[in-house]
Amino acid sequence: MTKGRTDMATNPNVAFGVCSVCRKEILVGAKLIRCTVSTCNRKRFPLYFCSPSCWDAHLPDARHRDPAYTEEVARKQ
């Protein structure tokens, strides 16, 4: 490994991103929630949630017709 390089092998607490509602940090390897609606999965402004309750909190503003989510593992970007 090169000096100064940060990855899961040397530092398990690498941040993937933050929850779009509560701003809690989501670490690489942790579970995250993604909305299945295409407008919530834009490349320039992706939405990630740390829990189903945070996903529920975004629904009143989003006004989806068929709301649903998937659980994924946060991977290094």
N, C-alpha and C. Protein backbone atom coordinates (compact mmCIF):
# COMPACT_ATOMS: atom_id res chain seq x y z
N MET A 1 0.83 -1.19 0.00
CA MET A 1 0.00 0.00 0.00
C MET A 1 0.87 1.24 0.00
N THR A 2 0.39 2.24 -0.65
CA THR A 2 1.14 3.48 -0.70
C THR A 2 0.85 4.33 0.53
N LYS A 3 1.82 5.11 0.92
CA LYS A 3 1.65 5.96 2.10
C LYS A 3 0.63 7.06 1.81
N GLY A 4 -0.27 7.29 2.77
CA GLY A 4 -1.28 8.33 2.59
C GLY A 4 -2.57 7.84 1.95
N ARG A 5 -2.57 6.63 1.47
CA ARG A 5 -3.78 6.08 0.83
C ARG A 5 -4.77 5.65 1.90
N THR A 6 -6.03 5.98 1.71
CA THR A 6 -7.06 5.60 2.66
C THR A 6 -8.05 4.68 1.97
N ASP A 7 -8.21 3.49 2.50
CA ASP A 7 -9.23 2.57 1.98
C ASP A 7 -9.72 1.70 3.13
N MET A 8 -10.63 0.80 2.84
CA MET A 8 -11.24 -0.01 3.89
C MET A 8 -10.22 -0.88 4.61
N ALA A 9 -9.16 -1.32 3.94
CA ALA A 9 -8.18 -2.17 4.59
C ALA A 9 -7.39 -1.44 5.66
N THR A 10 -7.11 -0.16 5.45
CA THR A 10 -6.33 0.60 6.42
C THR A 10 -7.19 1.43 7.36
N ASN A 11 -8.37 1.82 6.93
CA ASN A 11 -9.25 2.65 7.75
C ASN A 11 -10.69 2.24 7.53
N PRO A 12 -11.28 1.46 8.45
CA PRO A 12 -12.64 0.99 8.25
C PRO A 12 -13.70 2.08 8.39
N ASN A 13 -13.33 3.28 8.85
CA ASN A 13 -14.30 4.35 9.07
C ASN A 13 -14.33 5.37 7.94
N VAL A 14 -14.16 4.93 6.71
CA VAL A 14 -14.21 5.83 5.55
C VAL A 14 -15.66 6.23 5.31
N ALA A 15 -15.89 7.51 5.14
CA ALA A 15 -17.25 8.02 4.92
C ALA A 15 -17.67 7.79 3.48
N PHE A 16 -18.88 7.28 3.31
CA PHE A 16 -19.49 7.13 1.98
C PHE A 16 -20.21 8.43 1.61
N GLY A 17 -20.93 8.97 2.56
CA GLY A 17 -21.71 10.19 2.36
C GLY A 17 -22.50 10.49 3.61
N VAL A 18 -23.52 11.33 3.46
CA VAL A 18 -24.37 11.66 4.60
C VAL A 18 -25.82 11.42 4.24
N CYS A 19 -26.63 11.16 5.25
CA CYS A 19 -28.07 10.97 5.06
C CYS A 19 -28.68 12.27 4.54
N SER A 20 -29.54 12.17 3.57
CA SER A 20 -30.14 13.36 2.96
C SER A 20 -31.15 14.06 3.86
N VAL A 21 -31.58 13.41 4.94
CA VAL A 21 -32.55 14.01 5.85
C VAL A 21 -31.88 14.47 7.15
N CYS A 22 -31.26 13.54 7.88
CA CYS A 22 -30.72 13.88 9.20
C CYS A 22 -29.24 14.28 9.17
N ARG A 23 -28.59 14.13 8.02
CA ARG A 23 -27.18 14.49 7.82
C ARG A 23 -26.22 13.61 8.63
N LYS A 24 -26.68 12.44 9.09
CA LYS A 24 -25.82 11.49 9.79
C LYS A 24 -24.86 10.87 8.78
N GLU A 25 -23.61 10.69 9.18
CA GLU A 25 -22.60 10.13 8.29
C GLU A 25 -22.89 8.66 8.02
N ILE A 26 -22.78 8.25 6.75
CA ILE A 26 -22.94 6.86 6.35
C ILE A 26 -21.55 6.35 5.97
N LEU A 27 -21.09 5.31 6.66
CA LEU A 27 -19.75 4.78 6.43
C LEU A 27 -19.76 3.70 5.35
N VAL A 28 -18.62 3.52 4.69
CA VAL A 28 -18.47 2.45 3.71
C VAL A 28 -18.68 1.12 4.41
N GLY A 29 -19.48 0.26 3.81
CA GLY A 29 -19.79 -1.04 4.40
C GLY A 29 -21.08 -1.06 5.20
N ALA A 30 -21.63 0.11 5.50
CA ALA A 30 -22.88 0.19 6.26
C ALA A 30 -24.07 0.06 5.32
N LYS A 31 -25.23 -0.29 5.89
CA LYS A 31 -26.46 -0.34 5.09
C LYS A 31 -26.95 1.07 4.84
N LEU A 32 -27.50 1.28 3.67
CA LEU A 32 -28.13 2.55 3.35
C LEU A 32 -29.41 2.30 2.59
N ILE A 33 -30.27 3.27 2.57
CA ILE A 33 -31.57 3.19 1.90
C ILE A 33 -31.53 4.12 0.69
N ARG A 34 -32.01 3.62 -0.44
CA ARG A 34 -32.14 4.45 -1.64
C ARG A 34 -33.57 4.39 -2.12
N CYS A 35 -34.09 5.52 -2.51
CA CYS A 35 -35.44 5.60 -3.05
C CYS A 35 -35.44 4.97 -4.44
N THR A 36 -36.48 4.22 -4.79
CA THR A 36 -36.53 3.58 -6.10
C THR A 36 -37.07 4.50 -7.19
N VAL A 37 -37.56 5.66 -6.82
CA VAL A 37 -38.11 6.60 -7.81
C VAL A 37 -36.95 7.27 -8.54
N SER A 38 -37.01 7.31 -9.87
CA SER A 38 -35.90 7.78 -10.68
C SER A 38 -35.50 9.22 -10.41
N THR A 39 -36.44 10.07 -10.05
CA THR A 39 -36.09 11.47 -9.79
C THR A 39 -35.29 11.63 -8.50
N CYS A 40 -35.29 10.64 -7.64
CA CYS A 40 -34.48 10.68 -6.41
C CYS A 40 -33.09 10.09 -6.63
N ASN A 41 -32.85 9.53 -7.79
CA ASN A 41 -31.57 8.88 -8.06
C ASN A 41 -30.80 9.57 -9.18
N ARG A 42 -30.85 10.88 -9.20
CA ARG A 42 -30.11 11.64 -10.20
C ARG A 42 -28.61 11.55 -9.91
N LYS A 43 -27.81 11.53 -10.96
CA LYS A 43 -26.37 11.42 -10.80
C LYS A 43 -25.78 12.66 -10.12
N ARG A 44 -26.31 13.83 -10.43
CA ARG A 44 -25.78 15.07 -9.88
C ARG A 44 -26.24 15.33 -8.45
N PHE A 45 -27.37 14.75 -8.06
CA PHE A 45 -27.92 14.98 -6.72
C PHE A 45 -28.55 13.71 -6.19
N PRO A 46 -27.72 12.71 -5.85
CA PRO A 46 -28.28 11.45 -5.35
C PRO A 46 -28.77 11.60 -3.90
N LEU A 47 -29.83 10.90 -3.58
CA LEU A 47 -30.36 10.92 -2.22
C LEU A 47 -30.06 9.58 -1.55
N TYR A 48 -29.46 9.63 -0.37
CA TYR A 48 -29.16 8.45 0.44
C TYR A 48 -29.79 8.66 1.80
N PHE A 49 -30.27 7.58 2.41
CA PHE A 49 -30.91 7.67 3.71
C PHE A 49 -30.30 6.62 4.64
N CYS A 50 -30.17 6.97 5.92
CA CYS A 50 -29.55 6.06 6.88
C CYS A 50 -30.55 5.06 7.47
N SER A 51 -31.85 5.36 7.37
CA SER A 51 -32.85 4.47 7.95
C SER A 51 -34.18 4.62 7.22
N PRO A 52 -35.07 3.64 7.37
CA PRO A 52 -36.40 3.76 6.76
C PRO A 52 -37.17 4.98 7.27
N SER A 53 -36.95 5.37 8.52
CA SER A 53 -37.66 6.54 9.04
C SER A 53 -37.20 7.83 8.35
N CYS A 54 -35.92 7.92 8.01
CA CYS A 54 -35.46 9.09 7.25
C CYS A 54 -36.03 9.07 5.83
N TRP A 55 -36.13 7.89 5.25
CA TRP A 55 -36.74 7.78 3.92
C TRP A 55 -38.21 8.23 3.98
N ASP A 56 -38.93 7.80 5.03
CA ASP A 56 -40.32 8.23 5.23
C ASP A 56 -40.43 9.74 5.35
N ALA A 57 -39.45 10.36 5.99
CA ALA A 57 -39.48 11.81 6.19
C ALA A 57 -39.36 12.59 4.89
N HIS A 58 -38.76 12.01 3.86
CA HIS A 58 -38.62 12.73 2.59
C HIS A 58 -39.87 12.61 1.71
N LEU A 59 -40.76 11.69 2.03
CA LEU A 59 -41.95 11.46 1.19
C LEU A 59 -42.91 12.65 1.08
N PRO A 60 -43.21 13.40 2.13
CA PRO A 60 -44.14 14.52 1.98
C PRO A 60 -43.66 15.57 0.97
N ASP A 61 -42.36 15.81 0.94
CA ASP A 61 -41.82 16.78 -0.02
C ASP A 61 -41.71 16.20 -1.43
N ALA A 62 -41.45 14.89 -1.52
CA ALA A 62 -41.24 14.27 -2.82
C ALA A 62 -42.55 13.97 -3.56
N ARG A 63 -43.60 13.68 -2.84
CA ARG A 63 -44.92 13.37 -3.41
C ARG A 63 -44.86 12.30 -4.51
N HIS A 64 -44.28 11.15 -4.19
CA HIS A 64 -44.20 10.04 -5.14
C HIS A 64 -45.54 9.35 -5.30
N ARG A 65 -45.81 8.84 -6.49
CA ARG A 65 -47.04 8.06 -6.72
C ARG A 65 -46.92 6.67 -6.13
N ASP A 66 -45.80 6.01 -6.42
CA ASP A 66 -45.56 4.65 -5.93
C ASP A 66 -44.24 4.62 -5.15
N PRO A 67 -44.24 5.09 -3.92
CA PRO A 67 -42.98 5.14 -3.17
C PRO A 67 -42.50 3.76 -2.75
N ALA A 68 -41.20 3.56 -2.84
CA ALA A 68 -40.56 2.33 -2.39
C ALA A 68 -39.08 2.61 -2.22
N TYR A 69 -38.41 1.71 -1.50
CA TYR A 69 -36.97 1.88 -1.33
C TYR A 69 -36.27 0.53 -1.39
N THR A 70 -34.97 0.58 -1.58
CA THR A 70 -34.14 -0.62 -1.55
C THR A 70 -33.05 -0.41 -0.52
N GLU A 71 -32.62 -1.51 0.11
CA GLU A 71 -31.51 -1.47 1.03
C GLU A 71 -30.26 -1.91 0.27
N GLU A 72 -29.18 -1.15 0.44
CA GLU A 72 -27.92 -1.45 -0.23
C GLU A 72 -26.80 -1.33 0.78
N VAL A 73 -25.63 -1.78 0.38
CA VAL A 73 -24.43 -1.62 1.18
C VAL A 73 -23.64 -0.47 0.58
N ALA A 74 -23.22 0.47 1.41
CA ALA A 74 -22.45 1.62 0.93
C ALA A 74 -21.09 1.14 0.43
N ARG A 75 -20.80 1.43 -0.81
CA ARG A 75 -19.53 1.02 -1.42
C ARG A 75 -18.70 2.27 -1.70
N LYS A 76 -17.41 2.08 -1.72
CA LYS A 76 -16.48 3.18 -1.99
C LYS A 76 -16.76 3.73 -3.38
N GLN A 77 -16.87 5.04 -3.48
CA GLN A 77 -17.21 5.67 -4.77
C GLN A 77 -16.00 5.90 -5.61
